[in-house]
Amino acid sequence: MPETEARNGTLYAISAYLMWGFAPLYFKAIASVAPDEILMHRVIWSFFLVIALVWFGGRMGEVRALLRQPKKVALLALTAVLVGANWLIFIWAVANDHVLDASLGYFINPLFSVALGMLVLGERLGRLQMLAVGIATLGVLVQLIQFGSVPWISLALAGSFGIYGLLRKQVNLQASTGLLVETAILLPLALAYWAWIDSPTANFANNPLSLNLLLLAAGVVTTLPLLAFSAAAIRIPLYLLGMLQYIGPSIMFVMALTLFGESLSGPQLLTFGFIWSALVLLSFDGIKKARRKRRALKHAV
């Protein structure tokens, strides 16, 4: 049974990261729609899909219990803003041919999360973790000092998602339950924006059926990988989940250079080199810790 659970968890994780990795293809397919309008559709259709999943999954009791905890609801209001900002930045990056910057952001994210753990939660970092964070920081500083540019898209994506993950950890909820409350908080704004917006694609009656179906699919594109990730997180060790998360940005990186015709500049290549080196160290540290933990468990038995 544990082997089956681990295998299923690995498959869930790979599925989640594959979906996130290929997500730019979806957003390229609806590039005729403005990023803010796509964000609106993500919020609306994600809400309706998630409420159906929570309802039929018999978890509405969790939602009602959550709504009686104002501190957690306040935290979810903040995470709703962060995830909305992350979605918008990512959509804008894909629409404006910055998929390389987006992939760099998701490569940086685990390093940013480690740094947040140290700065906010007071976690003690090992030598390899400290070295990895230092190398990543150096990569960004070299680009800033030597080339006078800041990878702001990458940093904004890594920062918003990293802080989002940190706060969601404090709330400690099922992915679908938390996403339901987050989208419910954003829903009135999204509906008001839809009523106010004046664009050629805002009226479904004016759009071809194919575009309307793609816009409705925003809920699936948003929700499905998140649920797969949640299913993986409870079945496999954190180090394995962390190792597999590089699948997504790696796919984005390859697609940016091949399918989307983006070019890798000298400053970008240098920064990527620093980040990749830092990730190798972080992964090596995770594997070492996992092995030590397994040995300790064997001795205990």
Protein backbone atom coordinates (compact mmCIF):
# COMPACT_ATOMS: atom_id res chain seq x y z
CA MET A 1 0.00 0.00 0.00
CA PRO A 2 2.71 2.60 0.85
CA GLU A 3 4.47 1.82 -2.47
CA THR A 4 1.21 2.30 -4.36
CA GLU A 5 0.57 5.60 -2.56
CA ALA A 6 4.10 6.81 -3.35
CA ARG A 7 3.74 5.83 -7.01
CA ASN A 8 0.36 7.57 -7.26
CA GLY A 9 1.77 10.63 -5.49
CA THR A 10 4.66 10.82 -7.94
CA LEU A 11 2.25 10.57 -10.88
CA TYR A 12 0.06 13.32 -9.39
CA ALA A 13 3.13 15.56 -8.94
CA ILE A 14 4.39 14.95 -12.48
CA SER A 15 0.88 15.64 -13.83
CA ALA A 16 0.65 18.92 -11.89
CA TYR A 17 4.05 20.16 -13.04
CA LEU A 18 3.41 19.10 -16.65
CA MET A 19 0.15 21.08 -16.65
CA TRP A 20 1.87 24.13 -15.16
CA GLY A 21 4.77 23.76 -17.59
CA PHE A 22 2.55 23.65 -20.68
CA ALA A 23 0.21 26.40 -19.39
CA PRO A 24 1.81 29.04 -21.69
CA LEU A 25 0.34 27.16 -24.68
CA TYR A 26 -3.14 27.85 -23.31
CA PHE A 27 -2.46 31.54 -22.70
CA LYS A 28 -0.88 31.92 -26.14
CA ALA A 29 -4.08 30.42 -27.62
CA ILE A 30 -6.13 33.25 -26.05
CA ALA A 31 -3.56 36.00 -26.67
CA SER A 32 -6.25 38.07 -28.41
CA VAL A 33 -7.84 38.62 -24.98
CA ALA A 34 -6.31 41.22 -22.65
CA PRO A 35 -4.44 39.82 -19.58
CA ASP A 36 -6.77 41.56 -17.10
CA GLU A 37 -9.79 40.05 -18.86
CA ILE A 38 -8.21 36.57 -18.77
CA LEU A 39 -7.61 37.02 -15.03
CA MET A 40 -11.28 37.89 -14.64
CA HIS A 41 -12.27 34.63 -16.35
CA ARG A 42 -9.80 32.62 -14.25
CA VAL A 43 -11.42 33.91 -11.07
CA ILE A 44 -15.04 33.43 -12.19
CA TRP A 45 -14.80 29.96 -13.73
CA SER A 46 -12.41 28.67 -11.06
CA PHE A 47 -14.94 29.67 -8.41
CA PHE A 48 -17.80 27.78 -10.07
CA LEU A 49 -15.66 24.70 -10.73
CA VAL A 50 -14.20 24.59 -7.21
CA ILE A 51 -17.54 25.13 -5.45
CA ALA A 52 -18.93 22.18 -7.42
CA LEU A 53 -15.95 20.03 -6.40
CA VAL A 54 -16.23 21.04 -2.74
CA TRP A 55 -20.00 20.55 -2.72
CA PHE A 56 -19.95 17.09 -4.31
CA GLY A 57 -16.91 16.14 -2.24
CA GLY A 58 -18.93 16.78 0.92
CA ARG A 59 -16.55 19.44 2.26
CA MET A 60 -18.92 22.42 2.59
CA GLY A 61 -18.77 21.86 6.36
CA GLU A 62 -15.06 22.79 6.24
CA VAL A 63 -15.94 26.02 4.45
CA ARG A 64 -18.64 26.92 6.99
CA ALA A 65 -16.22 26.21 9.86
CA LEU A 66 -13.57 28.36 8.15
CA LEU A 67 -15.95 31.30 7.76
CA ARG A 68 -16.34 31.36 11.56
CA GLN A 69 -12.59 32.07 11.90
CA PRO A 70 -12.07 35.75 10.94
CA LYS A 71 -8.26 35.59 11.27
CA LYS A 72 -8.02 32.79 8.73
CA VAL A 73 -10.47 34.55 6.40
CA ALA A 74 -8.36 37.73 6.65
CA LEU A 75 -5.26 35.73 5.74
CA LEU A 76 -7.10 34.20 2.78
CA ALA A 77 -8.10 37.70 1.62
CA LEU A 78 -4.40 38.52 1.50
CA THR A 79 -3.51 35.27 -0.27
CA ALA A 80 -6.31 35.96 -2.77
CA VAL A 81 -4.66 39.26 -3.70
CA LEU A 82 -1.25 37.56 -3.97
CA VAL A 83 -2.44 34.68 -6.14
CA GLY A 84 -4.42 37.11 -8.31
CA ALA A 85 -1.30 39.23 -8.79
CA ASN A 86 0.75 36.12 -9.59
CA TRP A 87 -1.79 34.99 -12.20
CA LEU A 88 -1.90 38.45 -13.80
CA ILE A 89 1.89 38.78 -14.01
CA PHE A 90 2.20 35.31 -15.53
CA ILE A 91 -0.54 35.95 -18.11
CA TRP A 92 1.05 39.30 -19.03
CA ALA A 93 4.50 37.69 -19.32
CA VAL A 94 3.25 35.00 -21.72
CA ALA A 95 1.26 37.49 -23.80
CA ASN A 96 4.29 39.81 -24.11
CA ASP A 97 6.88 37.14 -24.97
CA HIS A 98 8.54 36.90 -21.57
CA VAL A 99 8.14 33.15 -21.03
CA LEU A 100 11.89 32.89 -20.30
CA ASP A 101 11.47 35.40 -17.47
CA ALA A 102 8.47 33.44 -16.19
CA SER A 103 10.46 30.20 -16.19
CA LEU A 104 13.30 31.92 -14.30
CA GLY A 105 10.76 33.10 -11.71
CA TYR A 106 9.62 29.55 -11.02
CA PHE A 107 13.23 28.34 -10.87
CA ILE A 108 13.90 31.05 -8.26
CA ASN A 109 10.76 30.23 -6.25
CA PRO A 110 12.14 27.32 -4.13
CA LEU A 111 15.20 29.40 -3.24
CA PHE A 112 12.96 32.33 -2.31
CA SER A 113 10.88 30.01 -0.13
CA VAL A 114 14.01 28.84 1.70
CA ALA A 115 15.01 32.47 2.30
CA LEU A 116 11.51 33.28 3.58
CA GLY A 117 11.69 30.36 6.00
CA MET A 118 14.87 31.82 7.45
CA LEU A 119 13.77 35.48 7.56
CA VAL A 120 10.11 35.07 8.59
CA LEU A 121 9.86 31.73 10.38
CA GLY A 122 13.33 31.83 11.96
CA GLU A 123 14.29 28.49 10.41
CA ARG A 124 17.97 27.58 10.65
CA LEU A 125 19.52 26.88 7.26
CA GLY A 126 22.26 24.36 6.64
CA ARG A 127 25.50 25.37 4.96
CA LEU A 128 24.43 24.15 1.52
CA GLN A 129 21.09 25.97 1.81
CA MET A 130 22.84 29.19 2.82
CA LEU A 131 25.29 28.80 -0.06
CA ALA A 132 22.45 28.14 -2.53
CA VAL A 133 20.54 31.27 -1.45
CA GLY A 134 23.78 33.30 -1.61
CA ILE A 135 24.58 32.10 -5.15
CA ALA A 136 21.04 32.89 -6.34
CA THR A 137 21.20 36.38 -4.80
CA LEU A 138 24.60 36.94 -6.42
CA GLY A 139 23.14 35.99 -9.81
CA VAL A 140 20.48 38.69 -9.53
CA LEU A 141 22.98 41.27 -8.21
CA VAL A 142 25.45 40.59 -11.05
CA GLN A 143 22.70 41.27 -13.59
CA LEU A 144 21.75 44.45 -11.74
CA ILE A 145 25.28 45.82 -11.30
CA GLN A 146 26.96 44.66 -14.51
CA PHE A 147 24.07 44.97 -16.93
CA GLY A 148 21.85 47.54 -15.20
CA SER A 149 18.69 45.44 -15.39
CA VAL A 150 16.51 43.68 -12.85
CA PRO A 151 14.57 40.52 -13.77
CA TRP A 152 11.45 42.09 -12.23
CA ILE A 153 9.00 39.65 -13.84
CA SER A 154 10.94 36.68 -12.43
CA LEU A 155 11.29 38.27 -8.99
CA ALA A 156 7.61 39.32 -8.90
CA LEU A 157 6.46 35.79 -9.80
CA ALA A 158 8.80 34.14 -7.29
CA GLY A 159 7.99 36.69 -4.58
CA SER A 160 4.20 36.63 -4.93
CA PHE A 161 4.03 32.82 -5.11
CA GLY A 162 6.58 32.36 -2.32
CA ILE A 163 4.72 34.66 0.09
CA TYR A 164 1.43 33.08 -1.00
CA GLY A 165 2.77 29.63 -0.10
CA LEU A 166 4.06 30.88 3.25
CA LEU A 167 0.70 32.40 4.23
CA ARG A 168 -1.32 29.42 2.97
CA LYS A 169 0.86 27.22 5.16
CA GLN A 170 -0.27 29.28 8.17
CA VAL A 171 -3.94 28.74 7.26
CA ASN A 172 -3.40 24.98 6.78
CA LEU A 173 -6.34 24.10 4.51
CA GLN A 174 -7.13 21.67 1.73
CA ALA A 175 -6.17 23.23 -1.62
CA SER A 176 -9.73 23.23 -2.98
CA THR A 177 -11.24 24.69 0.23
CA GLY A 178 -8.70 27.52 0.32
CA LEU A 179 -9.07 28.22 -3.40
CA LEU A 180 -12.85 28.35 -3.04
CA VAL A 181 -12.65 31.07 -0.38
CA GLU A 182 -9.95 32.98 -2.30
CA THR A 183 -11.94 33.01 -5.53
CA ALA A 184 -15.13 33.85 -3.60
CA ILE A 185 -13.34 36.93 -2.21
CA LEU A 186 -12.22 37.97 -5.72
CA LEU A 187 -15.52 37.01 -7.42
CA PRO A 188 -17.48 40.26 -6.77
CA LEU A 189 -14.56 42.29 -8.17
CA ALA A 190 -14.33 40.02 -11.22
CA LEU A 191 -18.09 40.20 -11.91
CA ALA A 192 -18.11 43.99 -11.44
CA TYR A 193 -15.15 44.27 -13.82
CA TRP A 194 -16.98 42.14 -16.41
CA ALA A 195 -20.02 44.41 -16.18
CA TRP A 196 -17.83 47.51 -16.56
CA ILE A 197 -15.28 46.39 -19.15
CA ASP A 198 -15.68 47.52 -22.74
CA SER A 199 -13.69 45.21 -25.01
CA PRO A 200 -14.45 43.25 -28.19
CA THR A 201 -14.11 39.89 -26.40
CA ALA A 202 -16.02 40.74 -23.19
CA ASN A 203 -19.37 39.88 -24.79
CA PHE A 204 -19.61 36.12 -25.36
CA ALA A 205 -22.24 36.69 -28.06
CA ASN A 206 -19.61 38.39 -30.23
CA ASN A 207 -16.97 35.68 -29.86
CA PRO A 208 -16.51 32.48 -31.85
CA LEU A 209 -17.51 29.36 -29.94
CA SER A 210 -13.88 28.16 -29.83
CA LEU A 211 -12.76 31.29 -27.95
CA ASN A 212 -15.67 31.10 -25.49
CA LEU A 213 -14.84 27.46 -24.73
CA LEU A 214 -11.19 28.39 -24.17
CA LEU A 215 -12.20 31.18 -21.77
CA LEU A 216 -14.50 28.82 -19.86
CA ALA A 217 -11.58 26.37 -19.66
CA ALA A 218 -9.70 28.93 -17.53
CA GLY A 219 -11.28 27.31 -14.48
CA VAL A 220 -9.91 23.87 -15.40
CA VAL A 221 -6.46 25.26 -16.29
CA THR A 222 -6.33 26.96 -12.88
CA THR A 223 -7.84 24.26 -10.67
CA LEU A 224 -6.74 20.89 -12.07
CA PRO A 225 -2.96 21.24 -11.51
CA LEU A 226 -3.54 22.66 -8.04
CA LEU A 227 -5.66 19.65 -7.05
CA ALA A 228 -3.09 17.25 -8.52
CA PHE A 229 -0.34 19.03 -6.57
CA SER A 230 -2.40 18.82 -3.37
CA ALA A 231 -2.94 15.08 -3.92
CA ALA A 232 0.81 14.61 -4.46
CA ALA A 233 1.84 16.62 -1.38
CA ILE A 234 0.11 14.21 1.02
CA ARG A 235 1.55 11.09 -0.63
CA ILE A 236 5.24 11.74 -1.31
CA PRO A 237 8.13 13.25 0.70
CA LEU A 238 8.77 16.97 0.45
CA TYR A 239 12.25 16.50 -1.06
CA LEU A 240 10.79 14.47 -3.97
CA LEU A 241 8.05 17.03 -4.51
CA GLY A 242 10.75 19.71 -4.57
CA MET A 243 12.89 17.80 -7.08
CA LEU A 244 9.95 17.30 -9.43
CA GLN A 245 8.92 20.97 -9.34
CA TYR A 246 11.68 21.86 -11.82
CA ILE A 247 9.70 20.05 -14.53
CA GLY A 248 7.39 23.06 -15.00
CA PRO A 249 9.94 25.86 -15.50
CA SER A 250 12.15 23.53 -17.58
CA ILE A 251 9.29 22.97 -20.02
CA MET A 252 8.64 26.73 -20.14
CA PHE A 253 12.34 27.38 -20.78
CA VAL A 254 12.48 24.95 -23.73
CA MET A 255 9.19 26.20 -25.21
CA ALA A 256 10.31 29.83 -24.97
CA LEU A 257 13.43 29.10 -27.03
CA THR A 258 11.84 26.70 -29.54
CA LEU A 259 8.12 27.33 -30.00
CA PHE A 260 7.89 31.02 -29.06
CA GLY A 261 11.14 32.23 -30.64
CA GLU A 262 12.48 34.07 -27.59
CA SER A 263 16.23 34.63 -27.40
CA LEU A 264 18.44 34.12 -24.37
CA SER A 265 20.51 37.25 -23.74
CA GLY A 266 23.91 37.27 -22.04
CA PRO A 267 22.59 38.71 -18.75
CA GLN A 268 19.73 36.19 -18.71
CA LEU A 269 22.09 33.27 -19.37
CA LEU A 270 24.38 34.40 -16.57
CA THR A 271 21.48 34.71 -14.12
CA PHE A 272 20.08 31.31 -15.17
CA GLY A 273 23.55 29.81 -14.61
CA PHE A 274 23.69 31.13 -11.04
CA ILE A 275 20.13 29.97 -10.29
CA TRP A 276 20.68 26.50 -11.74
CA SER A 277 23.89 26.12 -9.71
CA ALA A 278 22.01 27.12 -6.57
CA LEU A 279 19.22 24.62 -7.34
CA VAL A 280 21.75 21.79 -7.75
CA LEU A 281 23.07 22.55 -4.27
CA LEU A 282 19.55 22.79 -2.83
CA SER A 283 18.54 19.47 -4.41
CA PHE A 284 21.73 17.77 -3.20
CA ASP A 285 21.02 19.05 0.32
CA GLY A 286 17.45 17.73 0.15
CA ILE A 287 18.62 14.28 -0.95
CA LYS A 288 21.24 14.15 1.84
CA LYS A 289 18.64 15.06 4.48
CA ALA A 290 16.17 12.48 3.15
CA ARG A 291 18.84 9.75 3.31
CA ARG A 292 19.79 10.70 6.87
CA LYS A 293 16.12 10.60 7.87
CA ARG A 294 15.65 7.14 6.33
CA ARG A 295 18.77 5.82 8.10
CA ALA A 296 17.54 7.26 11.43
CA LEU A 297 14.15 5.56 10.95
CA LYS A 298 15.84 2.21 10.20
CA HIS A 299 17.96 2.45 13.33
CA ALA A 300 14.88 3.39 15.39
CA VAL A 301 13.05 0.32 14.10
